[in-house]
Amino acid sequence: MFKLLIFVLIAITLILLSLFIDGLMGLYKKEKEKAKNTVREGIIGYMDQTFGFEMARVFKSIHDAEGNVRYLVYLPQYAWFKSPNYQWYEVYATHNGYQHNKVER
């Protein structure tokens, strides 16, 4: 009877431990996603100020060797009855705000 009680207590302990760890991992993911959304919203605000309201579009996010996130952005330029020409920029966050560089083909 004592062995059965010990077995049940160990099983309950493992289940509660797994629920605790799962909760911690969920909070960690939410925190990382919130930080990423904050940076992305700041970059979108910077692009609206620099290129015009919703003119530039985010094409791809790039992780550099230092672990920073950079965004590849395109700015379409429309001409009458022609296909659009695209200007490509790389937008990234720095300590002083955001900056962009034109990407040469």
C-alpha atoms as a PDB file:
ATOM      1  CA  MET A   1       0.000   0.000   0.000  1.00  0.00           C
ATOM      2  CA  PHE A   2       2.852   2.366   0.863  1.00  0.00           C
ATOM      3  CA  LYS A   3       4.568   1.648  -2.485  1.00  0.00           C
ATOM      4  CA  LEU A   4       1.343   2.492  -4.347  1.00  0.00           C
ATOM      5  CA  LEU A   5       1.060   5.803  -2.473  1.00  0.00           C
ATOM      6  CA  ILE A   6       4.664   6.702  -3.340  1.00  0.00           C
ATOM      7  CA  PHE A   7       4.068   5.808  -7.008  1.00  0.00           C
ATOM      8  CA  VAL A   8       0.947   8.018  -7.165  1.00  0.00           C
ATOM      9  CA  LEU A   9       2.739  10.946  -5.490  1.00  0.00           C
ATOM     10  CA  ILE A  10       5.658  10.686  -7.930  1.00  0.00           C
ATOM     11  CA  ALA A  11       3.243  10.598 -10.904  1.00  0.00           C
ATOM     12  CA  ILE A  12       1.345  13.654  -9.623  1.00  0.00           C
ATOM     13  CA  THR A  13       4.621  15.501  -9.020  1.00  0.00           C
ATOM     14  CA  LEU A  14       5.832  14.807 -12.562  1.00  0.00           C
ATOM     15  CA  ILE A  15       2.525  15.954 -14.072  1.00  0.00           C
ATOM     16  CA  LEU A  16       2.571  19.197 -12.079  1.00  0.00           C
ATOM     17  CA  LEU A  17       6.214  19.787 -12.985  1.00  0.00           C
ATOM     18  CA  SER A  18       5.470  19.322 -16.686  1.00  0.00           C
ATOM     19  CA  LEU A  19       2.533  21.756 -16.473  1.00  0.00           C
ATOM     20  CA  PHE A  20       4.769  24.316 -14.755  1.00  0.00           C
ATOM     21  CA  ILE A  21       7.504  24.003 -17.373  1.00  0.00           C
ATOM     22  CA  ASP A  22       4.937  24.223 -20.192  1.00  0.00           C
ATOM     23  CA  GLY A  23       3.548  27.423 -18.654  1.00  0.00           C
ATOM     24  CA  LEU A  24       7.023  28.940 -18.390  1.00  0.00           C
ATOM     25  CA  MET A  25       7.784  28.119 -22.017  1.00  0.00           C
ATOM     26  CA  GLY A  26       4.480  29.696 -23.095  1.00  0.00           C
ATOM     27  CA  LEU A  27       5.285  32.897 -21.196  1.00  0.00           C
ATOM     28  CA  TYR A  28       8.757  32.989 -22.727  1.00  0.00           C
ATOM     29  CA  LYS A  29       7.316  32.665 -26.242  1.00  0.00           C
ATOM     30  CA  LYS A  30       4.786  35.423 -25.588  1.00  0.00           C
ATOM     31  CA  GLU A  31       7.502  37.713 -24.251  1.00  0.00           C
ATOM     32  CA  LYS A  32       9.744  37.140 -27.284  1.00  0.00           C
ATOM     33  CA  GLU A  33       6.808  37.679 -29.670  1.00  0.00           C
ATOM     34  CA  LYS A  34       5.872  40.920 -27.902  1.00  0.00           C
ATOM     35  CA  ALA A  35       9.437  42.230 -28.188  1.00  0.00           C
ATOM     36  CA  LYS A  36       9.547  41.295 -31.886  1.00  0.00           C
ATOM     37  CA  ASN A  37       6.198  43.009 -32.539  1.00  0.00           C
ATOM     38  CA  THR A  38       7.399  46.174 -30.770  1.00  0.00           C
ATOM     39  CA  VAL A  39      10.495  46.369 -32.987  1.00  0.00           C
ATOM     40  CA  ARG A  40       8.441  45.613 -36.087  1.00  0.00           C
ATOM     41  CA  GLU A  41       5.868  48.306 -35.254  1.00  0.00           C
ATOM     42  CA  GLY A  42       8.695  50.811 -34.722  1.00  0.00           C
ATOM     43  CA  ILE A  43      10.228  49.940 -38.079  1.00  0.00           C
ATOM     44  CA  ILE A  44       6.850  50.252 -39.808  1.00  0.00           C
ATOM     45  CA  GLY A  45       6.411  53.703 -38.215  1.00  0.00           C
ATOM     46  CA  TYR A  46       9.896  54.673 -39.397  1.00  0.00           C
ATOM     47  CA  MET A  47       9.099  53.507 -42.934  1.00  0.00           C
ATOM     48  CA  ASP A  48       5.856  55.516 -42.915  1.00  0.00           C
ATOM     49  CA  GLN A  49       7.783  58.661 -41.953  1.00  0.00           C
ATOM     50  CA  THR A  50      10.598  58.065 -44.435  1.00  0.00           C
ATOM     51  CA  PHE A  51       8.896  56.654 -47.529  1.00  0.00           C
ATOM     52  CA  GLY A  52       5.299  57.812 -47.075  1.00  0.00           C
ATOM     53  CA  PHE A  53       2.293  56.256 -45.387  1.00  0.00           C
ATOM     54  CA  GLU A  54       2.111  52.535 -46.295  1.00  0.00           C
ATOM     55  CA  MET A  55       4.173  53.006 -49.445  1.00  0.00           C
ATOM     56  CA  ALA A  56       6.981  50.607 -48.525  1.00  0.00           C
ATOM     57  CA  ARG A  57       6.285  46.916 -47.879  1.00  0.00           C
ATOM     58  CA  VAL A  58       8.271  44.466 -45.780  1.00  0.00           C
ATOM     59  CA  PHE A  59       9.473  41.639 -48.007  1.00  0.00           C
ATOM     60  CA  LYS A  60      11.605  39.521 -45.715  1.00  0.00           C
ATOM     61  CA  SER A  61      13.216  39.546 -42.279  1.00  0.00           C
ATOM     62  CA  ILE A  62      16.912  38.701 -42.110  1.00  0.00           C
ATOM     63  CA  HIS A  63      18.997  37.698 -39.088  1.00  0.00           C
ATOM     64  CA  ASP A  64      22.601  38.849 -39.308  1.00  0.00           C
ATOM     65  CA  ALA A  65      25.647  37.241 -37.667  1.00  0.00           C
ATOM     66  CA  GLU A  66      25.283  39.331 -34.506  1.00  0.00           C
ATOM     67  CA  GLY A  67      21.683  38.210 -33.939  1.00  0.00           C
ATOM     68  CA  ASN A  68      20.054  41.487 -34.998  1.00  0.00           C
ATOM     69  CA  VAL A  69      16.934  41.493 -37.135  1.00  0.00           C
ATOM     70  CA  ARG A  70      16.993  43.421 -40.403  1.00  0.00           C
ATOM     71  CA  TYR A  71      14.086  43.839 -42.794  1.00  0.00           C
ATOM     72  CA  LEU A  72      14.306  43.826 -46.567  1.00  0.00           C
ATOM     73  CA  VAL A  73      11.809  46.412 -47.812  1.00  0.00           C
ATOM     74  CA  TYR A  74      10.644  47.294 -51.307  1.00  0.00           C
ATOM     75  CA  LEU A  75       9.200  50.557 -52.551  1.00  0.00           C
ATOM     76  CA  PRO A  76       7.215  50.249 -55.788  1.00  0.00           C
ATOM     77  CA  GLN A  77       7.268  53.098 -58.286  1.00  0.00           C
ATOM     78  CA  TYR A  78       4.417  53.011 -60.754  1.00  0.00           C
ATOM     79  CA  ALA A  79       4.541  54.482 -64.238  1.00  0.00           C
ATOM     80  CA  TRP A  80       1.593  54.923 -66.563  1.00  0.00           C
ATOM     81  CA  PHE A  81       0.779  51.598 -68.316  1.00  0.00           C
ATOM     82  CA  LYS A  82       4.054  50.001 -67.269  1.00  0.00           C
ATOM     83  CA  SER A  83       4.969  47.375 -64.732  1.00  0.00           C
ATOM     84  CA  PRO A  84       6.249  48.861 -61.469  1.00  0.00           C
ATOM     85  CA  ASN A  85       9.916  49.360 -60.772  1.00  0.00           C
ATOM     86  CA  TYR A  86      11.055  48.468 -57.277  1.00  0.00           C
ATOM     87  CA  GLN A  87      13.616  50.143 -55.068  1.00  0.00           C
ATOM     88  CA  TRP A  88      14.975  47.849 -52.357  1.00  0.00           C
ATOM     89  CA  TYR A  89      16.063  49.003 -48.902  1.00  0.00           C
ATOM     90  CA  GLU A  90      17.428  47.312 -45.816  1.00  0.00           C
ATOM     91  CA  VAL A  91      15.880  48.732 -42.619  1.00  0.00           C
ATOM     92  CA  TYR A  92      17.381  47.949 -39.209  1.00  0.00           C
ATOM     93  CA  ALA A  93      17.254  49.138 -35.600  1.00  0.00           C
ATOM     94  CA  THR A  94      20.229  50.838 -33.968  1.00  0.00           C
ATOM     95  CA  HIS A  95      20.787  52.334 -30.510  1.00  0.00           C
ATOM     96  CA  ASN A  96      19.826  55.783 -31.829  1.00  0.00           C
ATOM     97  CA  GLY A  97      16.681  54.676 -33.679  1.00  0.00           C
ATOM     98  CA  TYR A  98      16.246  53.161 -37.096  1.00  0.00           C
ATOM     99  CA  GLN A  99      18.280  53.475 -40.273  1.00  0.00           C
ATOM    100  CA  HIS A 100      18.001  52.292 -43.841  1.00  0.00           C
ATOM    101  CA  ASN A 101      20.421  51.528 -46.653  1.00  0.00           C
ATOM    102  CA  LYS A 102      19.599  51.220 -50.329  1.00  0.00           C
ATOM    103  CA  VAL A 103      20.330  47.742 -51.683  1.00  0.00           C
ATOM    104  CA  GLU A 104      22.214  47.665 -54.965  1.00  0.00           C
ATOM    105  CA  ARG A 105      21.448  44.884 -57.388  1.00  0.00           C
END
